[in-house]
PDB file of N, CA and C in Angstrom:
ATOM      1  N   MET A   1      71.023  87.289 132.402  1.00  0.00           N
ATOM      2  CA  MET A   1      72.279  86.685 132.788  1.00  0.00           C
ATOM      3  C   MET A   1      73.095  87.696 133.585  1.00  0.00           C
ATOM      4  N   GLY A   2      73.836  87.202 134.604  1.00  0.00           N
ATOM      5  CA  GLY A   2      74.594  88.093 135.468  1.00  0.00           C
ATOM      6  C   GLY A   2      75.753  88.744 134.747  1.00  0.00           C
ATOM      7  N   THR A   3      76.155  89.883 135.269  1.00  0.00           N
ATOM      8  CA  THR A   3      77.293  90.567 134.663  1.00  0.00           C
ATOM      9  C   THR A   3      78.577  90.017 135.261  1.00  0.00           C
ATOM     10  N   LYS A   4      79.592  89.941 134.434  1.00  0.00           N
ATOM     11  CA  LYS A   4      80.891  89.477 134.904  1.00  0.00           C
ATOM     12  C   LYS A   4      81.763  90.687 135.183  1.00  0.00           C
ATOM     13  N   HIS A   5      82.536  90.591 136.206  1.00  0.00           N
ATOM     14  CA  HIS A   5      83.528  91.634 136.460  1.00  0.00           C
ATOM     15  C   HIS A   5      84.867  90.963 136.714  1.00  0.00           C
ATOM     16  N   ARG A   6      85.890  91.639 136.364  1.00  0.00           N
ATOM     17  CA  ARG A   6      87.242  91.107 136.547  1.00  0.00           C
ATOM     18  C   ARG A   6      87.761  91.517 137.920  1.00  0.00           C
ATOM     19  N   THR A   7      88.427  90.583 138.532  1.00  0.00           N
ATOM     20  CA  THR A   7      89.060  90.844 139.812  1.00  0.00           C
ATOM     21  C   THR A   7      90.540  91.063 139.541  1.00  0.00           C
ATOM     22  N   SER A   8      91.109  92.086 140.160  1.00  0.00           N
ATOM     23  CA  SER A   8      92.514  92.388 139.910  1.00  0.00           C
ATOM     24  C   SER A   8      93.396  91.215 140.327  1.00  0.00           C
ATOM     25  N   LYS A   9      94.539  91.117 139.679  1.00  0.00           N
ATOM     26  CA  LYS A   9      95.494  90.050 140.002  1.00  0.00           C
ATOM     27  C   LYS A   9      95.933  90.134 141.458  1.00  0.00           C
ATOM     28  N   GLU A  10      96.059  91.353 141.958  1.00  0.00           N
ATOM     29  CA  GLU A  10      96.501  91.547 143.338  1.00  0.00           C
ATOM     30  C   GLU A  10      95.479  90.991 144.325  1.00  0.00           C
ATOM     31  N   VAL A  11      94.192  91.300 144.077  1.00  0.00           N
ATOM     32  CA  VAL A  11      93.129  90.820 144.964  1.00  0.00           C
ATOM     33  C   VAL A  11      93.054  89.302 144.894  1.00  0.00           C
ATOM     34  N   LYS A  12      93.101  88.769 143.672  1.00  0.00           N
ATOM     35  CA  LYS A  12      93.045  87.320 143.486  1.00  0.00           C
ATOM     36  C   LYS A  12      94.199  86.645 144.226  1.00  0.00           C
ATOM     37  N   ALA A  13      95.398  87.177 144.084  1.00  0.00           N
ATOM     38  CA  ALA A  13      96.567  86.600 144.748  1.00  0.00           C
ATOM     39  C   ALA A  13      96.418  86.659 146.266  1.00  0.00           C
ATOM     40  N   ASP A  14      95.904  87.779 146.781  1.00  0.00           N
ATOM     41  CA  ASP A  14      95.710  87.934 148.221  1.00  0.00           C
ATOM     42  C   ASP A  14      94.676  86.943 148.736  1.00  0.00           C
ATOM     43  N   VAL A  15      93.568  86.809 148.017  1.00  0.00           N
ATOM     44  CA  VAL A  15      92.511  85.884 148.421  1.00  0.00           C
ATOM     45  C   VAL A  15      93.056  84.457 148.466  1.00  0.00           C
ATOM     46  N   LEU A  16      93.731  84.042 147.414  1.00  0.00           N
ATOM     47  CA  LEU A  16      94.264  82.680 147.350  1.00  0.00           C
ATOM     48  C   LEU A  16      95.303  82.431 148.441  1.00  0.00           C
ATOM     49  N   LYS A  17      96.145  83.418 148.683  1.00  0.00           N
ATOM     50  CA  LYS A  17      97.180  83.278 149.713  1.00  0.00           C
ATOM     51  C   LYS A  17      96.541  83.088 151.088  1.00  0.00           C
ATOM     52  N   ARG A  18      95.549  83.910 151.393  1.00  0.00           N
ATOM     53  CA  ARG A  18      94.894  83.826 152.700  1.00  0.00           C
ATOM     54  C   ARG A  18      94.153  82.507 152.882  1.00  0.00           C
ATOM     55  N   ILE A  19      93.552  82.005 151.813  1.00  0.00           N
ATOM     56  CA  ILE A  19      92.856  80.715 151.898  1.00  0.00           C
ATOM     57  C   ILE A  19      93.858  79.595 152.110  1.00  0.00           C
ATOM     58  N   LYS A  20      94.944  79.617 151.347  1.00  0.00           N
ATOM     59  CA  LYS A  20      95.956  78.566 151.462  1.00  0.00           C
ATOM     60  C   LYS A  20      96.627  78.583 152.831  1.00  0.00           C
ATOM     61  N   GLU A  21      96.778  79.766 153.404  1.00  0.00           N
ATOM     62  CA  GLU A  21      97.383  79.879 154.736  1.00  0.00           C
ATOM     63  C   GLU A  21      96.403  79.483 155.833  1.00  0.00           C
ATOM     64  N   GLY A  22      95.121  79.414 155.484  1.00  0.00           N
ATOM     65  CA  GLY A  22      94.109  79.041 156.457  1.00  0.00           C
ATOM     66  C   GLY A  22      93.612  80.192 157.306  1.00  0.00           C
ATOM     67  N   THR A  23      93.911  81.437 156.901  1.00  0.00           N
ATOM     68  CA  THR A  23      93.457  82.574 157.707  1.00  0.00           C
ATOM     69  C   THR A  23      92.010  82.953 157.412  1.00  0.00           C
ATOM     70  N   VAL A  24      91.485  82.529 156.257  1.00  0.00           N
ATOM     71  CA  VAL A  24      90.072  82.727 155.928  1.00  0.00           C
ATOM     72  C   VAL A  24      89.564  81.496 155.178  1.00  0.00           C
ATOM     73  N   THR A  25      88.261  81.297 155.246  1.00  0.00           N
ATOM     74  CA  THR A  25      87.648  80.230 154.466  1.00  0.00           C
ATOM     75  C   THR A  25      87.272  80.790 153.107  1.00  0.00           C
ATOM     76  N   VAL A  26      86.932  79.913 152.190  1.00  0.00           N
ATOM     77  CA  VAL A  26      86.482  80.352 150.867  1.00  0.00           C
ATOM     78  C   VAL A  26      85.237  81.215 151.028  1.00  0.00           C
ATOM     79  N   GLN A  27      84.327  80.789 151.891  1.00  0.00           N
ATOM     80  CA  GLN A  27      83.095  81.541 152.112  1.00  0.00           C
ATOM     81  C   GLN A  27      83.384  82.949 152.643  1.00  0.00           C
ATOM     82  N   GLN A  28      84.282  83.059 153.612  1.00  0.00           N
ATOM     83  CA  GLN A  28      84.626  84.375 154.172  1.00  0.00           C
ATOM     84  C   GLN A  28      85.244  85.276 153.114  1.00  0.00           C
ATOM     85  N   ALA A  29      86.164  84.730 152.334  1.00  0.00           N
ATOM     86  CA  ALA A  29      86.818  85.525 151.291  1.00  0.00           C
ATOM     87  C   ALA A  29      85.808  85.987 150.252  1.00  0.00           C
ATOM     88  N   ALA A  30      84.897  85.101 149.882  1.00  0.00           N
ATOM     89  CA  ALA A  30      83.881  85.461 148.890  1.00  0.00           C
ATOM     90  C   ALA A  30      83.014  86.607 149.409  1.00  0.00           C
ATOM     91  N   GLU A  31      82.600  86.516 150.651  1.00  0.00           N
ATOM     92  CA  GLU A  31      81.767  87.565 151.242  1.00  0.00           C
ATOM     93  C   GLU A  31      82.515  88.891 151.345  1.00  0.00           C
ATOM     94  N   GLU A  32      83.771  88.833 151.766  1.00  0.00           N
ATOM     95  CA  GLU A  32      84.575  90.048 151.931  1.00  0.00           C
ATOM     96  C   GLU A  32      84.768  90.806 150.620  1.00  0.00           C
ATOM     97  N   HIS A  33      84.902  90.061 149.523  1.00  0.00           N
ATOM     98  CA  HIS A  33      85.244  90.689 148.248  1.00  0.00           C
ATOM     99  C   HIS A  33      84.098  90.707 147.243  1.00  0.00           C
ATOM    100  N   GLY A  34      82.898  90.298 147.669  1.00  0.00           N
ATOM    101  CA  GLY A  34      81.760  90.293 146.763  1.00  0.00           C
ATOM    102  C   GLY A  34      81.932  89.313 145.613  1.00  0.00           C
ATOM    103  N   LEU A  35      82.555  88.178 145.899  1.00  0.00           N
ATOM    104  CA  LEU A  35      82.801  87.159 144.888  1.00  0.00           C
ATOM    105  C   LEU A  35      81.912  85.954 145.151  1.00  0.00           C
ATOM    106  N   THR A  36      81.840  85.068 144.175  1.00  0.00           N
ATOM    107  CA  THR A  36      81.137  83.816 144.403  1.00  0.00           C
ATOM    108  C   THR A  36      82.158  82.770 144.850  1.00  0.00           C
ATOM    109  N   GLU A  37      81.692  81.839 145.659  1.00  0.00           N
ATOM    110  CA  GLU A  37      82.578  80.767 146.106  1.00  0.00           C
ATOM    111  C   GLU A  37      83.048  79.946 144.905  1.00  0.00           C
ATOM    112  N   SER A  38      82.156  79.751 143.934  1.00  0.00           N
ATOM    113  CA  SER A  38      82.533  78.940 142.767  1.00  0.00           C
ATOM    114  C   SER A  38      83.674  79.597 141.991  1.00  0.00           C
ATOM    115  N   ALA A  39      83.704  80.923 141.932  1.00  0.00           N
ATOM    116  CA  ALA A  39      84.806  81.612 141.248  1.00  0.00           C
ATOM    117  C   ALA A  39      86.127  81.340 141.973  1.00  0.00           C
ATOM    118  N   ILE A  40      86.100  81.406 143.291  1.00  0.00           N
ATOM    119  CA  ILE A  40      87.321  81.170 144.062  1.00  0.00           C
ATOM    120  C   ILE A  40      87.760  79.720 143.906  1.00  0.00           C
ATOM    121  N   TYR A  41      86.811  78.795 143.924  1.00  0.00           N
ATOM    122  CA  TYR A  41      87.175  77.379 143.724  1.00  0.00           C
ATOM    123  C   TYR A  41      87.790  77.158 142.346  1.00  0.00           C
ATOM    124  N   ARG A  42      87.300  77.881 141.338  1.00  0.00           N
ATOM    125  CA  ARG A  42      87.905  77.777 139.998  1.00  0.00           C
ATOM    126  C   ARG A  42      89.345  78.276 140.039  1.00  0.00           C
ATOM    127  N   TRP A  43      89.597  79.395 140.729  1.00  0.00           N
ATOM    128  CA  TRP A  43      90.959  79.914 140.857  1.00  0.00           C
ATOM    129  C   TRP A  43      91.847  78.877 141.528  1.00  0.00           C
ATOM    130  N   LEU A  44      91.332  78.268 142.609  1.00  0.00           N
ATOM    131  CA  LEU A  44      92.112  77.271 143.335  1.00  0.00           C
ATOM    132  C   LEU A  44      92.397  76.064 142.448  1.00  0.00           C
ATOM    133  N   GLN A  45      91.417  75.659 141.679  1.00  0.00           N
ATOM    134  CA  GLN A  45      91.586  74.497 140.805  1.00  0.00           C
ATOM    135  C   GLN A  45      92.643  74.768 139.738  1.00  0.00           C
ATOM    136  N   LYS A  46      92.642  75.972 139.190  1.00  0.00           N
ATOM    137  CA  LYS A  46      93.653  76.324 138.193  1.00  0.00           C
ATOM    138  C   LYS A  46      95.051  76.259 138.791  1.00  0.00           C
ATOM    139  N   GLY A  47      95.176  76.651 140.044  1.00  0.00           N
ATOM    140  CA  GLY A  47      96.472  76.633 140.714  1.00  0.00           C
ATOM    141  C   GLY A  47      96.941  75.234 141.059  1.00  0.00           C
ATOM    142  N   VAL A  48      96.025  74.289 141.102  1.00  0.00           N
ATOM    143  CA  VAL A  48      96.366  72.920 141.466  1.00  0.00           C
ATOM    144  C   VAL A  48      96.954  72.157 140.290  1.00  0.00           C
ATOM    145  N   ALA A  49      96.788  72.664 139.099  1.00  0.00           N
ATOM    146  CA  ALA A  49      97.234  71.945 137.904  1.00  0.00           C
ATOM    147  C   ALA A  49      98.715  71.603 137.951  1.00  0.00           C
ATOM    148  N   GLY A  50      99.528  72.479 138.519  1.00  0.00           N
ATOM    149  CA  GLY A  50     100.965  72.217 138.589  1.00  0.00           C
ATOM    150  C   GLY A  50     101.331  71.418 139.825  1.00  0.00           C
ATOM    151  N   ALA A  51     102.503  70.867 139.823  1.00  0.00           N
ATOM    152  CA  ALA A  51     102.990  70.110 140.974  1.00  0.00           C
ATOM    153  C   ALA A  51     103.308  71.073 142.123  1.00  0.00           C
ATOM    154  N   PRO A  52     103.185  70.601 143.362  1.00  0.00           N
ATOM    155  CA  PRO A  52     103.507  71.476 144.491  1.00  0.00           C
ATOM    156  C   PRO A  52     105.010  71.774 144.524  1.00  0.00           C
ATOM    157  N   SER A  53     105.334  72.936 145.053  1.00  0.00           N
ATOM    158  CA  SER A  53     106.755  73.274 145.191  1.00  0.00           C
ATOM    159  C   SER A  53     107.334  72.464 146.344  1.00  0.00           C
ATOM    160  N   TRP A  54     108.663  72.415 146.403  1.00  0.00           N
ATOM    161  CA  TRP A  54     109.305  71.678 147.489  1.00  0.00           C
ATOM    162  C   TRP A  54     108.992  72.304 148.839  1.00  0.00           C
ATOM    163  N   SER A  55     108.852  73.624 148.882  1.00  0.00           N
ATOM    164  CA  SER A  55     108.536  74.266 150.162  1.00  0.00           C
ATOM    165  C   SER A  55     107.116  73.912 150.603  1.00  0.00           C
ATOM    166  N   GLU A  56     106.183  73.839 149.651  1.00  0.00           N
ATOM    167  CA  GLU A  56     104.816  73.423 149.988  1.00  0.00           C
ATOM    168  C   GLU A  56     104.809  71.971 150.463  1.00  0.00           C
ATOM    169  N   PHE A  57     105.562  71.119 149.773  1.00  0.00           N
ATOM    170  CA  PHE A  57     105.655  69.719 150.151  1.00  0.00           C
ATOM    171  C   PHE A  57     106.225  69.590 151.568  1.00  0.00           C
ATOM    172  N   GLY A  58     107.278  70.343 151.852  1.00  0.00           N
ATOM    173  CA  GLY A  58     107.885  70.306 153.178  1.00  0.00           C
ATOM    174  C   GLY A  58     106.929  70.771 154.260  1.00  0.00           C
ATOM    175  N   LYS A  59     106.181  71.818 153.962  1.00  0.00           N
ATOM    176  CA  LYS A  59     105.211  72.345 154.927  1.00  0.00           C
ATOM    177  C   LYS A  59     104.144  71.296 155.231  1.00  0.00           C
ATOM    178  N   VAL A  60     103.627  70.658 154.209  1.00  0.00           N
ATOM    179  CA  VAL A  60     102.595  69.637 154.400  1.00  0.00           C
ATOM    180  C   VAL A  60     103.165  68.454 155.185  1.00  0.00           C
ATOM    181  N   LYS A  61     104.389  68.084 154.876  1.00  0.00           N
ATOM    182  CA  LYS A  61     105.027  66.969 155.579  1.00  0.00           C
ATOM    183  C   LYS A  61     105.188  67.289 157.068  1.00  0.00           C
ATOM    184  N   ARG A  62     105.616  68.524 157.384  1.00  0.00           N
ATOM    185  CA  ARG A  62     105.751  68.938 158.789  1.00  0.00           C
ATOM    186  C   ARG A  62     104.395  68.942 159.482  1.00  0.00           C
ATOM    187  N   GLU A  63     103.372  69.492 158.809  1.00  0.00           N
ATOM    188  CA  GLU A  63     102.030  69.529 159.390  1.00  0.00           C
ATOM    189  C   GLU A  63     101.507  68.122 159.626  1.00  0.00           C
ATOM    190  N   ASN A  64     101.779  67.223 158.692  1.00  0.00           N
ATOM    191  CA  ASN A  64     101.357  65.831 158.814  1.00  0.00           C
ATOM    192  C   ASN A  64     102.007  65.190 160.042  1.00  0.00           C
ATOM    193  N   GLY A  65     103.296  65.422 160.222  1.00  0.00           N
ATOM    194  CA  GLY A  65     104.001  64.885 161.381  1.00  0.00           C
ATOM    195  C   GLY A  65     103.432  65.420 162.682  1.00  0.00           C
ATOM    196  N   GLU A  66     103.127  66.706 162.700  1.00  0.00           N
ATOM    197  CA  GLU A  66     102.545  67.321 163.895  1.00  0.00           C
ATOM    198  C   GLU A  66     101.169  66.728 164.199  1.00  0.00           C
ATOM    199  N   LEU A  67     100.375  66.511 163.162  1.00  0.00           N
ATOM    200  CA  LEU A  67      99.054  65.909 163.363  1.00  0.00           C
ATOM    201  C   LEU A  67      99.162  64.490 163.914  1.00  0.00           C
ATOM    202  N   PHE A  68     100.105  63.710 163.391  1.00  0.00           N
ATOM    203  CA  PHE A  68     100.308  62.354 163.911  1.00  0.00           C
ATOM    204  C   PHE A  68     100.739  62.399 165.373  1.00  0.00           C
ATOM    205  N   ARG A  69     101.577  63.360 165.724  1.00  0.00           N
ATOM    206  CA  ARG A  69     102.010  63.500 167.118  1.00  0.00           C
ATOM    207  C   ARG A  69     100.825  63.800 168.029  1.00  0.00           C
ATOM    208  N   VAL A  70      99.974  64.737 167.598  1.00  0.00           N
ATOM    209  CA  VAL A  70      98.798  65.118 168.386  1.00  0.00           C
ATOM    210  C   VAL A  70      97.831  63.943 168.506  1.00  0.00           C
ATOM    211  N   ILE A  71      97.625  63.229 167.418  1.00  0.00           N
ATOM    212  CA  ILE A  71      96.738  62.063 167.451  1.00  0.00           C
ATOM    213  C   ILE A  71      97.285  61.018 168.417  1.00  0.00           C
ATOM    214  N   GLY A  72      98.582  60.814 168.405  1.00  0.00           N
ATOM    215  CA  GLY A  72      99.199  59.862 169.331  1.00  0.00           C
ATOM    216  C   GLY A  72      98.973  60.260 170.775  1.00  0.00           C
ATOM    217  N   GLU A  73      99.176  61.533 171.089  1.00  0.00           N
ATOM    218  CA  GLU A  73      98.961  62.020 172.456  1.00  0.00           C
ATOM    219  C   GLU A  73      97.514  61.851 172.880  1.00  0.00           C
ATOM    220  N   LEU A  74      96.588  62.217 171.984  1.00  0.00           N
ATOM    221  CA  LEU A  74      95.167  62.097 172.308  1.00  0.00           C
ATOM    222  C   LEU A  74      94.751  60.635 172.481  1.00  0.00           C
ATOM    223  N   THR A  75      95.296  59.760 171.653  1.00  0.00           N
ATOM    224  CA  THR A  75      94.998  58.335 171.768  1.00  0.00           C
ATOM    225  C   THR A  75      95.487  57.794 173.100  1.00  0.00           C
ATOM    226  N   LEU A  76      96.685  58.190 173.500  1.00  0.00           N
ATOM    227  CA  LEU A  76      97.243  57.757 174.778  1.00  0.00           C
ATOM    228  C   LEU A  76      96.387  58.258 175.938  1.00  0.00           C
ATOM    229  N   LYS A  77      95.990  59.526 175.891  1.00  0.00           N
ATOM    230  CA  LYS A  77      95.147  60.092 176.954  1.00  0.00           C
ATOM    231  C   LYS A  77      93.811  59.372 177.018  1.00  0.00           C
ATOM    232  N   LEU A  78      93.219  59.112 175.877  1.00  0.00           N
ATOM    233  CA  LEU A  78      91.928  58.429 175.824  1.00  0.00           C
ATOM    234  C   LEU A  78      92.065  57.014 176.383  1.00  0.00           C
ATOM    235  N   SER A  79      93.128  56.336 176.013  1.00  0.00           N
ATOM    236  CA  SER A  79      93.374  54.979 176.483  1.00  0.00           C
ATOM    237  C   SER A  79      93.523  54.969 177.999  1.00  0.00           C
ATOM    238  N   THR A  80      94.284  55.914 178.535  1.00  0.00           N
ATOM    239  CA  THR A  80      94.497  56.013 179.978  1.00  0.00           C
ATOM    240  C   THR A  80      93.190  56.315 180.687  1.00  0.00           C
ATOM    241  N   THR A  81      92.392  57.205 180.137  1.00  0.00           N
ATOM    242  CA  THR A  81      91.104  57.578 180.734  1.00  0.00           C
ATOM    243  C   THR A  81      90.157  56.386 180.749  1.00  0.00           C
ATOM    244  N   GLN A  82      90.126  55.636 179.668  1.00  0.00           N
ATOM    245  CA  GLN A  82      89.237  54.473 179.587  1.00  0.00           C
ATOM    246  C   GLN A  82      89.654  53.387 180.571  1.00  0.00           C
ATOM    247  N   LYS A  83      90.950  53.195 180.777  1.00  0.00           N
ATOM    248  CA  LYS A  83      91.438  52.191 181.715  1.00  0.00           C
ATOM    249  C   LYS A  83      91.042  52.553 183.146  1.00  0.00           C
ATOM    250  N   LYS A  84      91.071  53.848 183.476  1.00  0.00           N
ATOM    251  CA  LYS A  84      90.708  54.314 184.806  1.00  0.00           C
ATOM    252  C   LYS A  84      89.223  54.097 185.083  1.00  0.00           C
ATOM    253  N   SER A  85      88.399  54.198 184.031  1.00  0.00           N
ATOM    254  CA  SER A  85      86.954  54.099 184.231  1.00  0.00           C
ATOM    255  C   SER A  85      86.488  52.654 184.337  1.00  0.00           C
ATOM    256  N   TRP A  86      87.370  51.685 184.041  1.00  0.00           N
ATOM    257  CA  TRP A  86      86.975  50.265 184.123  1.00  0.00           C
ATOM    258  C   TRP A  86      87.201  49.756 185.474  1.00  0.00           C
TER     259      TRP A  86
END
């Protein structure tokens, strides 16, 4: 059976922060720190147990609005392009 090692709270916090910010993937973080992806997913799952903070909710809401705006622009461009090709 494999040996378990403890990861410092600081490293764990840094890994989770970078993943949540989107600066690294779970796979990249696992490789960088010699961790398993399943361990990081367990950390993420434990953090999900609580409700999101208002700042997290606001950030997601802003990102959602931006995505809808981009989708609208792309849909309009696609529609215009298709009309030209007919």
